[in-house]
Amino acid sequence: MKLVRYGKPGKEKPGLIDAEGKLRDLSKVVPDIGPAQLAPAVMARLAKLKAERLPLVRGKPRLGVPVTGATKFVAIGLNYSDHAAEVGAAVPKEPVVFMKTLSSMQGPNDDVMLPKGSTKTDYEVELGIVIGTRARYVSRKDALSHVAGYVLVNDVSEREYQLERGGTWDKGKGCDTFGPIGPWLLSADQVKNPQKLDLWLDVNGEKRQRGNTRTMVFDCAALVSYVSHFMTLNPGDVITTGTPPGVAAGMKPPRFLKPGDVMTLGIEGLGEQCAKVVRFAK
């Protein structure tokens, strides 16, 4: 089941993508795609709908973040050993946890805005985990039972802010527009193994990132369990799980994003994003 939210920012409606790739309206079935709709009973009810009987949405409306109501946008750093190597960092012994701001979340194809004065903005294709039921001190064995589904995330990052300005990584990760999510939430029952998914990202049609989630240092179950021991994960919360090699910071010389660049990225089964990079705007 592919769940989406479509329409103008702040006025999105719930929908789903049917087997033929067509957008169907869910607004007469549920008010939105948020914490209440991620409950197992509601997800099961939605899965039983006959998509062909739902109203067809004409045209190509904007897609928003596929899930609303998050209380946390948690991120994991250096979670692919080959990515750690390319940026000269040691493979962590425990997951590197930081936070992206909720205000960084945006639709999958919305413009990504460079912060004022930025010269080192980078891209990171990542698998995102969406929590469906409250998780607190959960075991690795039970962790994935708390997952409603998975999403494509671009963990956009300003490397100077992240690494050269002191303190934590957060200020290089939470800028406005730095968290494109979607196009859809793929329900967990449709993902046989989250550790066997191909990831890719191109800039202006040039191959940059290629990887597979099987090379994660800490897998999805381990991450949900680990994070739940430090904070309660609520329905709608997102954990973005790290990136494979090929980031701009790892290139010699680095090739950071500039206005006019177009990022296209995708994950097997989770759809694609296409976002233009634009200058800072007030």
C-alpha atoms as a PDB file:
ATOM      1  CA  MET A   1       0.000   0.000   0.000  1.00  0.00           C
ATOM      2  CA  LYS A   2       1.381   3.362  -1.080  1.00  0.00           C
ATOM      3  CA  LEU A   3      -0.044   6.214   0.974  1.00  0.00           C
ATOM      4  CA  VAL A   4       0.424   9.849  -0.010  1.00  0.00           C
ATOM      5  CA  ARG A   5      -0.646  13.366   0.901  1.00  0.00           C
ATOM      6  CA  TYR A   6      -1.247  15.706  -2.008  1.00  0.00           C
ATOM      7  CA  GLY A   7      -2.105  19.354  -2.569  1.00  0.00           C
ATOM      8  CA  LYS A   8      -0.757  22.777  -1.649  1.00  0.00           C
ATOM      9  CA  PRO A   9       1.494  23.084   1.426  1.00  0.00           C
ATOM     10  CA  GLY A  10      -0.601  23.017   4.571  1.00  0.00           C
ATOM     11  CA  LYS A  11      -3.706  21.897   2.681  1.00  0.00           C
ATOM     12  CA  GLU A  12      -2.729  18.350   1.720  1.00  0.00           C
ATOM     13  CA  LYS A  13      -5.351  15.631   1.327  1.00  0.00           C
ATOM     14  CA  PRO A  14      -4.855  11.899   1.949  1.00  0.00           C
ATOM     15  CA  GLY A  15      -4.523   9.584  -1.007  1.00  0.00           C
ATOM     16  CA  LEU A  16      -3.046   6.357  -2.258  1.00  0.00           C
ATOM     17  CA  ILE A  17      -1.293   5.181  -5.387  1.00  0.00           C
ATOM     18  CA  ASP A  18      -3.114   2.270  -7.022  1.00  0.00           C
ATOM     19  CA  ALA A  19      -1.611  -0.732  -8.797  1.00  0.00           C
ATOM     20  CA  GLU A  20      -1.519   1.201 -12.078  1.00  0.00           C
ATOM     21  CA  GLY A  21       0.332   4.135 -10.533  1.00  0.00           C
ATOM     22  CA  LYS A  22      -2.742   6.379 -10.459  1.00  0.00           C
ATOM     23  CA  LEU A  23      -3.488   8.736  -7.567  1.00  0.00           C
ATOM     24  CA  ARG A  24      -6.719   8.018  -5.698  1.00  0.00           C
ATOM     25  CA  ASP A  25      -8.413  10.265  -3.150  1.00  0.00           C
ATOM     26  CA  LEU A  26      -8.822   8.951   0.422  1.00  0.00           C
ATOM     27  CA  SER A  27     -10.389  12.046   1.986  1.00  0.00           C
ATOM     28  CA  LYS A  28     -13.819  10.404   2.352  1.00  0.00           C
ATOM     29  CA  VAL A  29     -12.237   7.431   4.111  1.00  0.00           C
ATOM     30  CA  VAL A  30      -9.766   9.122   6.483  1.00  0.00           C
ATOM     31  CA  PRO A  31      -9.190  12.808   7.344  1.00  0.00           C
ATOM     32  CA  ASP A  32      -5.411  12.609   6.822  1.00  0.00           C
ATOM     33  CA  ILE A  33      -2.423  10.272   6.957  1.00  0.00           C
ATOM     34  CA  GLY A  34      -1.186  10.857  10.500  1.00  0.00           C
ATOM     35  CA  PRO A  35      -0.598   9.083  13.812  1.00  0.00           C
ATOM     36  CA  ALA A  36      -4.191   7.843  14.147  1.00  0.00           C
ATOM     37  CA  GLN A  37      -4.183   6.369  10.649  1.00  0.00           C
ATOM     38  CA  LEU A  38      -0.875   4.561  11.235  1.00  0.00           C
ATOM     39  CA  ALA A  39      -2.445   2.341  13.891  1.00  0.00           C
ATOM     40  CA  PRO A  40      -2.366  -1.314  12.785  1.00  0.00           C
ATOM     41  CA  ALA A  41      -6.164  -1.646  12.731  1.00  0.00           C
ATOM     42  CA  VAL A  42      -6.585   1.402  10.493  1.00  0.00           C
ATOM     43  CA  MET A  43      -3.729   0.386   8.196  1.00  0.00           C
ATOM     44  CA  ALA A  44      -5.318  -3.046   7.845  1.00  0.00           C
ATOM     45  CA  ARG A  45      -8.660  -1.448   6.963  1.00  0.00           C
ATOM     46  CA  LEU A  46      -7.047   0.780   4.337  1.00  0.00           C
ATOM     47  CA  ALA A  47      -5.259  -2.207   2.839  1.00  0.00           C
ATOM     48  CA  LYS A  48      -8.606  -3.899   2.214  1.00  0.00           C
ATOM     49  CA  LEU A  49     -10.004  -0.985   0.194  1.00  0.00           C
ATOM     50  CA  LYS A  50     -10.685  -1.569  -3.468  1.00  0.00           C
ATOM     51  CA  ALA A  51      -8.534   1.199  -4.907  1.00  0.00           C
ATOM     52  CA  GLU A  52     -10.365   1.232  -8.244  1.00  0.00           C
ATOM     53  CA  ARG A  53     -13.523   2.376  -6.448  1.00  0.00           C
ATOM     54  CA  LEU A  54     -11.857   5.426  -4.934  1.00  0.00           C
ATOM     55  CA  PRO A  55     -12.116   8.798  -6.739  1.00  0.00           C
ATOM     56  CA  LEU A  56      -9.372   9.343  -9.293  1.00  0.00           C
ATOM     57  CA  VAL A  57      -7.347  12.524  -8.813  1.00  0.00           C
ATOM     58  CA  ARG A  58      -6.865  14.315 -12.118  1.00  0.00           C
ATOM     59  CA  GLY A  59      -3.688  16.051 -13.175  1.00  0.00           C
ATOM     60  CA  LYS A  60      -0.404  15.983 -11.317  1.00  0.00           C
ATOM     61  CA  PRO A  61      -0.876  17.720  -7.969  1.00  0.00           C
ATOM     62  CA  ARG A  62       2.038  18.487  -5.684  1.00  0.00           C
ATOM     63  CA  LEU A  63       2.927  15.696  -3.265  1.00  0.00           C
ATOM     64  CA  GLY A  64       3.599  16.624   0.345  1.00  0.00           C
ATOM     65  CA  VAL A  65       5.285  14.710   3.149  1.00  0.00           C
ATOM     66  CA  PRO A  66       3.347  11.419   3.081  1.00  0.00           C
ATOM     67  CA  VAL A  67       2.773  11.391   6.845  1.00  0.00           C
ATOM     68  CA  THR A  68       1.870  14.275   9.144  1.00  0.00           C
ATOM     69  CA  GLY A  69       2.001  14.587  12.924  1.00  0.00           C
ATOM     70  CA  ALA A  70       5.598  13.590  13.660  1.00  0.00           C
ATOM     71  CA  THR A  71       6.979  14.571  17.053  1.00  0.00           C
ATOM     72  CA  LYS A  72      10.559  13.658  16.099  1.00  0.00           C
ATOM     73  CA  PHE A  73      12.724  13.495  12.982  1.00  0.00           C
ATOM     74  CA  VAL A  74      15.630  11.335  14.120  1.00  0.00           C
ATOM     75  CA  ALA A  75      18.698  10.745  11.952  1.00  0.00           C
ATOM     76  CA  ILE A  76      21.586   8.289  12.029  1.00  0.00           C
ATOM     77  CA  GLY A  77      25.096   9.228  10.897  1.00  0.00           C
ATOM     78  CA  LEU A  78      27.914   7.188   9.376  1.00  0.00           C
ATOM     79  CA  ASN A  79      25.753   4.090   9.109  1.00  0.00           C
ATOM     80  CA  TYR A  80      27.418   2.732   5.950  1.00  0.00           C
ATOM     81  CA  SER A  81      31.039   1.747   6.422  1.00  0.00           C
ATOM     82  CA  ASP A  82      32.015   2.795   2.891  1.00  0.00           C
ATOM     83  CA  HIS A  83      30.488   6.246   3.445  1.00  0.00           C
ATOM     84  CA  ALA A  84      32.419   6.604   6.705  1.00  0.00           C
ATOM     85  CA  ALA A  85      35.597   5.737   4.820  1.00  0.00           C
ATOM     86  CA  GLU A  86      35.006   8.285   2.067  1.00  0.00           C
ATOM     87  CA  VAL A  87      34.693  11.135   4.580  1.00  0.00           C
ATOM     88  CA  GLY A  88      37.603   9.910   6.714  1.00  0.00           C
ATOM     89  CA  ALA A  89      35.551   8.878   9.738  1.00  0.00           C
ATOM     90  CA  ALA A  90      35.772   5.731  11.858  1.00  0.00           C
ATOM     91  CA  VAL A  91      32.943   3.225  11.711  1.00  0.00           C
ATOM     92  CA  PRO A  92      30.923   3.916  14.879  1.00  0.00           C
ATOM     93  CA  LYS A  93      30.677   1.317  17.635  1.00  0.00           C
ATOM     94  CA  GLU A  94      27.171   2.543  18.461  1.00  0.00           C
ATOM     95  CA  PRO A  95      24.709   4.414  16.225  1.00  0.00           C
ATOM     96  CA  VAL A  96      25.425   8.129  15.801  1.00  0.00           C
ATOM     97  CA  VAL A  97      22.115   9.809  16.634  1.00  0.00           C
ATOM     98  CA  PHE A  98      21.211  13.416  15.825  1.00  0.00           C
ATOM     99  CA  MET A  99      18.015  15.328  15.109  1.00  0.00           C
ATOM    100  CA  LYS A 100      16.660  17.020  12.043  1.00  0.00           C
ATOM    101  CA  THR A 101      14.057  19.706  12.672  1.00  0.00           C
ATOM    102  CA  LEU A 102      10.411  19.056  11.947  1.00  0.00           C
ATOM    103  CA  SER A 103      10.433  22.307   9.964  1.00  0.00           C
ATOM    104  CA  SER A 104      12.986  20.819   7.564  1.00  0.00           C
ATOM    105  CA  MET A 105      10.389  18.300   6.356  1.00  0.00           C
ATOM    106  CA  GLN A 106       8.928  18.992   2.935  1.00  0.00           C
ATOM    107  CA  GLY A 107       7.469  17.293  -0.106  1.00  0.00           C
ATOM    108  CA  PRO A 108       9.646  15.069  -2.279  1.00  0.00           C
ATOM    109  CA  ASN A 109       9.791  17.407  -5.263  1.00  0.00           C
ATOM    110  CA  ASP A 110       9.775  20.793  -3.531  1.00  0.00           C
ATOM    111  CA  ASP A 111      12.753  23.086  -4.136  1.00  0.00           C
ATOM    112  CA  VAL A 112      15.717  22.692  -1.787  1.00  0.00           C
ATOM    113  CA  MET A 113      16.922  26.094  -0.629  1.00  0.00           C
ATOM    114  CA  LEU A 114      20.576  26.816   0.089  1.00  0.00           C
ATOM    115  CA  PRO A 115      21.013  28.602   3.444  1.00  0.00           C
ATOM    116  CA  LYS A 116      22.171  32.197   3.237  1.00  0.00           C
ATOM    117  CA  GLY A 117      25.928  32.220   2.529  1.00  0.00           C
ATOM    118  CA  SER A 118      26.170  28.429   2.238  1.00  0.00           C
ATOM    119  CA  THR A 119      28.953  26.977   0.100  1.00  0.00           C
ATOM    120  CA  LYS A 120      28.979  23.358   1.305  1.00  0.00           C
ATOM    121  CA  THR A 121      25.453  21.993   0.999  1.00  0.00           C
ATOM    122  CA  ASP A 122      25.384  18.260   0.289  1.00  0.00           C
ATOM    123  CA  TYR A 123      22.869  15.497  -0.454  1.00  0.00           C
ATOM    124  CA  GLU A 124      22.263  12.081   1.166  1.00  0.00           C
ATOM    125  CA  VAL A 125      19.803   9.485  -0.139  1.00  0.00           C
ATOM    126  CA  GLU A 126      18.440   7.505   2.806  1.00  0.00           C
ATOM    127  CA  LEU A 127      15.854   4.938   3.844  1.00  0.00           C
ATOM    128  CA  GLY A 128      13.385   6.387   6.330  1.00  0.00           C
ATOM    129  CA  ILE A 129      11.471   4.370   8.924  1.00  0.00           C
ATOM    130  CA  VAL A 130       8.002   5.597   9.964  1.00  0.00           C
ATOM    131  CA  ILE A 131       6.799   4.539  13.406  1.00  0.00           C
ATOM    132  CA  GLY A 132       3.271   3.156  13.629  1.00  0.00           C
ATOM    133  CA  THR A 133       2.888   2.282  17.308  1.00  0.00           C
ATOM    134  CA  ARG A 134       4.553   3.791  20.368  1.00  0.00           C
ATOM    135  CA  ALA A 135       8.032   2.356  20.942  1.00  0.00           C
ATOM    136  CA  ARG A 136       9.810   2.693  24.259  1.00  0.00           C
ATOM    137  CA  TYR A 137      12.633   0.378  25.379  1.00  0.00           C
ATOM    138  CA  VAL A 138      11.722  -2.158  22.690  1.00  0.00           C
ATOM    139  CA  SER A 139      13.893  -5.166  21.940  1.00  0.00           C
ATOM    140  CA  ARG A 140      15.551  -5.671  18.581  1.00  0.00           C
ATOM    141  CA  LYS A 141      13.360  -8.743  18.125  1.00  0.00           C
ATOM    142  CA  ASP A 142      10.141  -6.715  18.499  1.00  0.00           C
ATOM    143  CA  ALA A 143      11.350  -3.462  16.951  1.00  0.00           C
ATOM    144  CA  LEU A 144       9.958  -3.845  13.428  1.00  0.00           C
ATOM    145  CA  SER A 145       6.487  -4.625  14.780  1.00  0.00           C
ATOM    146  CA  HIS A 146       6.348  -0.919  15.688  1.00  0.00           C
ATOM    147  CA  VAL A 147       7.015   0.195  12.110  1.00  0.00           C
ATOM    148  CA  ALA A 148       4.121   1.362   9.912  1.00  0.00           C
ATOM    149  CA  GLY A 149       6.189   1.651   6.753  1.00  0.00           C
ATOM    150  CA  TYR A 150       9.162   3.100   4.940  1.00  0.00           C
ATOM    151  CA  VAL A 151       9.878   6.290   2.989  1.00  0.00           C
ATOM    152  CA  LEU A 152      12.546   7.818   0.778  1.00  0.00           C
ATOM    153  CA  VAL A 153      14.454  10.658   2.493  1.00  0.00           C
ATOM    154  CA  ASN A 154      17.061  13.137   1.285  1.00  0.00           C
ATOM    155  CA  ASP A 155      19.099  14.119   4.351  1.00  0.00           C
ATOM    156  CA  VAL A 156      20.317  17.422   2.910  1.00  0.00           C
ATOM    157  CA  SER A 157      23.308  18.678   4.927  1.00  0.00           C
ATOM    158  CA  GLU A 158      25.365  21.867   5.147  1.00  0.00           C
ATOM    159  CA  ARG A 159      28.854  20.517   5.881  1.00  0.00           C
ATOM    160  CA  GLU A 160      30.401  23.743   7.159  1.00  0.00           C
ATOM    161  CA  TYR A 161      27.575  24.179   9.659  1.00  0.00           C
ATOM    162  CA  GLN A 162      27.701  20.479  10.549  1.00  0.00           C
ATOM    163  CA  LEU A 163      31.449  19.976  10.949  1.00  0.00           C
ATOM    164  CA  GLU A 164      33.290  23.302  11.100  1.00  0.00           C
ATOM    165  CA  ARG A 165      31.208  25.486  13.393  1.00  0.00           C
ATOM    166  CA  GLY A 166      31.559  23.532  16.644  1.00  0.00           C
ATOM    167  CA  GLY A 167      28.924  21.798  18.714  1.00  0.00           C
ATOM    168  CA  THR A 168      26.613  19.114  17.370  1.00  0.00           C
ATOM    169  CA  TRP A 169      25.712  18.151  13.812  1.00  0.00           C
ATOM    170  CA  ASP A 170      22.132  19.362  14.185  1.00  0.00           C
ATOM    171  CA  LYS A 171      22.590  22.889  12.891  1.00  0.00           C
ATOM    172  CA  GLY A 172      23.919  21.596   9.581  1.00  0.00           C
ATOM    173  CA  LYS A 173      21.021  19.181   9.222  1.00  0.00           C
ATOM    174  CA  GLY A 174      17.866  21.051  10.175  1.00  0.00           C
ATOM    175  CA  CYS A 175      17.798  24.043   7.829  1.00  0.00           C
ATOM    176  CA  ASP A 176      14.558  24.879   6.048  1.00  0.00           C
ATOM    177  CA  THR A 177      13.860  22.435   3.161  1.00  0.00           C
ATOM    178  CA  PHE A 178      16.628  20.020   4.293  1.00  0.00           C
ATOM    179  CA  GLY A 179      14.290  17.049   4.781  1.00  0.00           C
ATOM    180  CA  PRO A 180      12.440  16.049   1.600  1.00  0.00           C
ATOM    181  CA  ILE A 181      10.347  12.928   2.296  1.00  0.00           C
ATOM    182  CA  GLY A 182       8.316  10.744  -0.045  1.00  0.00           C
ATOM    183  CA  PRO A 183       6.736  10.436  -2.556  1.00  0.00           C
ATOM    184  CA  TRP A 184       4.820   7.796  -0.633  1.00  0.00           C
ATOM    185  CA  LEU A 185       4.775   5.756   2.546  1.00  0.00           C
ATOM    186  CA  LEU A 186       5.105   2.103   1.579  1.00  0.00           C
ATOM    187  CA  SER A 187       3.388  -0.010   4.228  1.00  0.00           C
ATOM    188  CA  ALA A 188       5.665  -2.374   6.123  1.00  0.00           C
ATOM    189  CA  ASP A 189       3.801  -5.462   4.898  1.00  0.00           C
ATOM    190  CA  GLN A 190       4.966  -4.604   1.365  1.00  0.00           C
ATOM    191  CA  VAL A 191       8.653  -4.570   2.329  1.00  0.00           C
ATOM    192  CA  LYS A 192       9.823  -8.152   2.645  1.00  0.00           C
ATOM    193  CA  ASN A 193      13.279  -7.177   3.869  1.00  0.00           C
ATOM    194  CA  PRO A 194      14.292  -3.542   4.481  1.00  0.00           C
ATOM    195  CA  GLN A 195      17.931  -4.668   4.358  1.00  0.00           C
ATOM    196  CA  LYS A 196      17.808  -5.559   0.660  1.00  0.00           C
ATOM    197  CA  LEU A 197      16.886  -2.268  -0.997  1.00  0.00           C
ATOM    198  CA  ASP A 198      18.887  -0.462  -3.674  1.00  0.00           C
ATOM    199  CA  LEU A 199      19.461   3.292  -3.223  1.00  0.00           C
ATOM    200  CA  TRP A 200      20.672   5.854  -5.766  1.00  0.00           C
ATOM    201  CA  LEU A 201      21.099   9.587  -6.275  1.00  0.00           C
ATOM    202  CA  ASP A 202      22.136  11.648  -9.302  1.00  0.00           C
ATOM    203  CA  VAL A 203      22.929  15.349  -9.687  1.00  0.00           C
ATOM    204  CA  ASN A 204      22.097  16.866 -13.076  1.00  0.00           C
ATOM    205  CA  GLY A 205      21.907  13.348 -14.471  1.00  0.00           C
ATOM    206  CA  GLU A 206      25.396  12.414 -13.243  1.00  0.00           C
ATOM    207  CA  LYS A 207      25.644   9.269 -11.138  1.00  0.00           C
ATOM    208  CA  ARG A 208      26.691  10.131  -7.582  1.00  0.00           C
ATOM    209  CA  GLN A 209      25.382   7.661  -5.001  1.00  0.00           C
ATOM    210  CA  ARG A 210      24.788   3.939  -5.438  1.00  0.00           C
ATOM    211  CA  GLY A 211      24.247   1.509  -2.586  1.00  0.00           C
ATOM    212  CA  ASN A 212      22.114  -1.105  -0.910  1.00  0.00           C
ATOM    213  CA  THR A 213      20.701  -1.194   2.608  1.00  0.00           C
ATOM    214  CA  ARG A 214      22.340  -4.568   3.242  1.00  0.00           C
ATOM    215  CA  THR A 215      25.613  -2.712   3.922  1.00  0.00           C
ATOM    216  CA  MET A 216      24.219  -0.720   6.839  1.00  0.00           C
ATOM    217  CA  VAL A 217      26.385  -0.949   9.946  1.00  0.00           C
ATOM    218  CA  PHE A 218      23.234  -1.074  12.119  1.00  0.00           C
ATOM    219  CA  ASP A 219      20.080  -2.436  10.499  1.00  0.00           C
ATOM    220  CA  CYS A 220      16.567  -1.039  10.822  1.00  0.00           C
ATOM    221  CA  ALA A 221      15.546  -3.273  13.713  1.00  0.00           C
ATOM    222  CA  ALA A 222      18.690  -2.392  15.655  1.00  0.00           C
ATOM    223  CA  LEU A 223      18.115   1.326  15.075  1.00  0.00           C
ATOM    224  CA  VAL A 224      14.490   1.357  16.222  1.00  0.00           C
ATOM    225  CA  SER A 225      15.437  -0.576  19.335  1.00  0.00           C
ATOM    226  CA  TYR A 226      18.482   1.605  20.065  1.00  0.00           C
ATOM    227  CA  VAL A 227      16.739   4.943  19.614  1.00  0.00           C
ATOM    228  CA  SER A 228      13.756   3.790  21.708  1.00  0.00           C
ATOM    229  CA  HIS A 229      16.095   3.421  24.686  1.00  0.00           C
ATOM    230  CA  PHE A 230      16.857   7.156  24.599  1.00  0.00           C
ATOM    231  CA  MET A 231      13.499   8.636  23.613  1.00  0.00           C
ATOM    232  CA  THR A 232       9.948   7.440  23.161  1.00  0.00           C
ATOM    233  CA  LEU A 233       9.101   7.000  19.497  1.00  0.00           C
ATOM    234  CA  ASN A 234       5.534   8.021  18.717  1.00  0.00           C
ATOM    235  CA  PRO A 235       3.345   7.148  15.733  1.00  0.00           C
ATOM    236  CA  GLY A 236       4.361   9.345  12.811  1.00  0.00           C
ATOM    237  CA  ASP A 237       7.951   9.802  13.970  1.00  0.00           C
ATOM    238  CA  VAL A 238      10.624   9.281  11.318  1.00  0.00           C
ATOM    239  CA  ILE A 239      14.078   7.721  11.646  1.00  0.00           C
ATOM    240  CA  THR A 240      16.310   8.285   8.635  1.00  0.00           C
ATOM    241  CA  THR A 241      18.970   5.613   8.603  1.00  0.00           C
ATOM    242  CA  GLY A 242      22.174   6.881   6.996  1.00  0.00           C
ATOM    243  CA  THR A 243      23.570   7.139   3.491  1.00  0.00           C
ATOM    244  CA  PRO A 244      25.770   5.096   1.135  1.00  0.00           C
ATOM    245  CA  PRO A 245      28.946   6.527  -0.457  1.00  0.00           C
ATOM    246  CA  GLY A 246      29.029   9.142  -3.194  1.00  0.00           C
ATOM    247  CA  VAL A 247      28.279  12.340  -1.269  1.00  0.00           C
ATOM    248  CA  ALA A 248      29.748  15.626  -2.499  1.00  0.00           C
ATOM    249  CA  ALA A 249      31.966  15.955   0.579  1.00  0.00           C
ATOM    250  CA  GLY A 250      33.693  12.683  -0.303  1.00  0.00           C
ATOM    251  CA  MET A 251      34.633  13.738  -3.825  1.00  0.00           C
ATOM    252  CA  LYS A 252      38.084  15.088  -4.666  1.00  0.00           C
ATOM    253  CA  PRO A 253      37.680  17.959  -4.970  1.00  0.00           C
ATOM    254  CA  PRO A 254      34.256  18.190  -3.262  1.00  0.00           C
ATOM    255  CA  ARG A 255      31.401  19.135  -5.568  1.00  0.00           C
ATOM    256  CA  PHE A 256      28.752  20.695  -3.396  1.00  0.00           C
ATOM    257  CA  LEU A 257      25.317  21.739  -4.566  1.00  0.00           C
ATOM    258  CA  LYS A 258      24.798  25.062  -6.326  1.00  0.00           C
ATOM    259  CA  PRO A 259      21.700  26.952  -7.493  1.00  0.00           C
ATOM    260  CA  GLY A 260      20.126  25.316 -10.513  1.00  0.00           C
ATOM    261  CA  ASP A 261      21.328  21.810  -9.716  1.00  0.00           C
ATOM    262  CA  VAL A 262      18.691  19.084  -9.914  1.00  0.00           C
ATOM    263  CA  MET A 263      18.813  16.100  -7.574  1.00  0.00           C
ATOM    264  CA  THR A 264      17.040  12.905  -8.601  1.00  0.00           C
ATOM    265  CA  LEU A 265      17.032  10.003  -6.173  1.00  0.00           C
ATOM    266  CA  GLY A 266      15.188   6.836  -5.358  1.00  0.00           C
ATOM    267  CA  ILE A 267      14.927   3.621  -3.394  1.00  0.00           C
ATOM    268  CA  GLU A 268      13.613   0.328  -4.682  1.00  0.00           C
ATOM    269  CA  GLY A 269       9.849   0.250  -4.101  1.00  0.00           C
ATOM    270  CA  LEU A 270       9.755   3.666  -2.458  1.00  0.00           C
ATOM    271  CA  GLY A 271       9.564   5.853  -5.546  1.00  0.00           C
ATOM    272  CA  GLU A 272      11.666   8.772  -6.698  1.00  0.00           C
ATOM    273  CA  GLN A 273      12.267  12.412  -5.862  1.00  0.00           C
ATOM    274  CA  CYS A 274      13.296  15.250  -8.162  1.00  0.00           C
ATOM    275  CA  ALA A 275      14.233  18.527  -6.500  1.00  0.00           C
ATOM    276  CA  LYS A 276      15.796  21.720  -7.814  1.00  0.00           C
ATOM    277  CA  VAL A 277      18.354  23.601  -5.748  1.00  0.00           C
ATOM    278  CA  VAL A 278      17.568  27.315  -5.340  1.00  0.00           C
ATOM    279  CA  ARG A 279      19.158  30.327  -3.668  1.00  0.00           C
ATOM    280  CA  PHE A 280      18.189  31.534  -0.208  1.00  0.00           C
ATOM    281  CA  ALA A 281      14.920  33.452  -0.236  1.00  0.00           C
ATOM    282  CA  LYS A 282      13.489  35.545   2.588  1.00  0.00           C
END
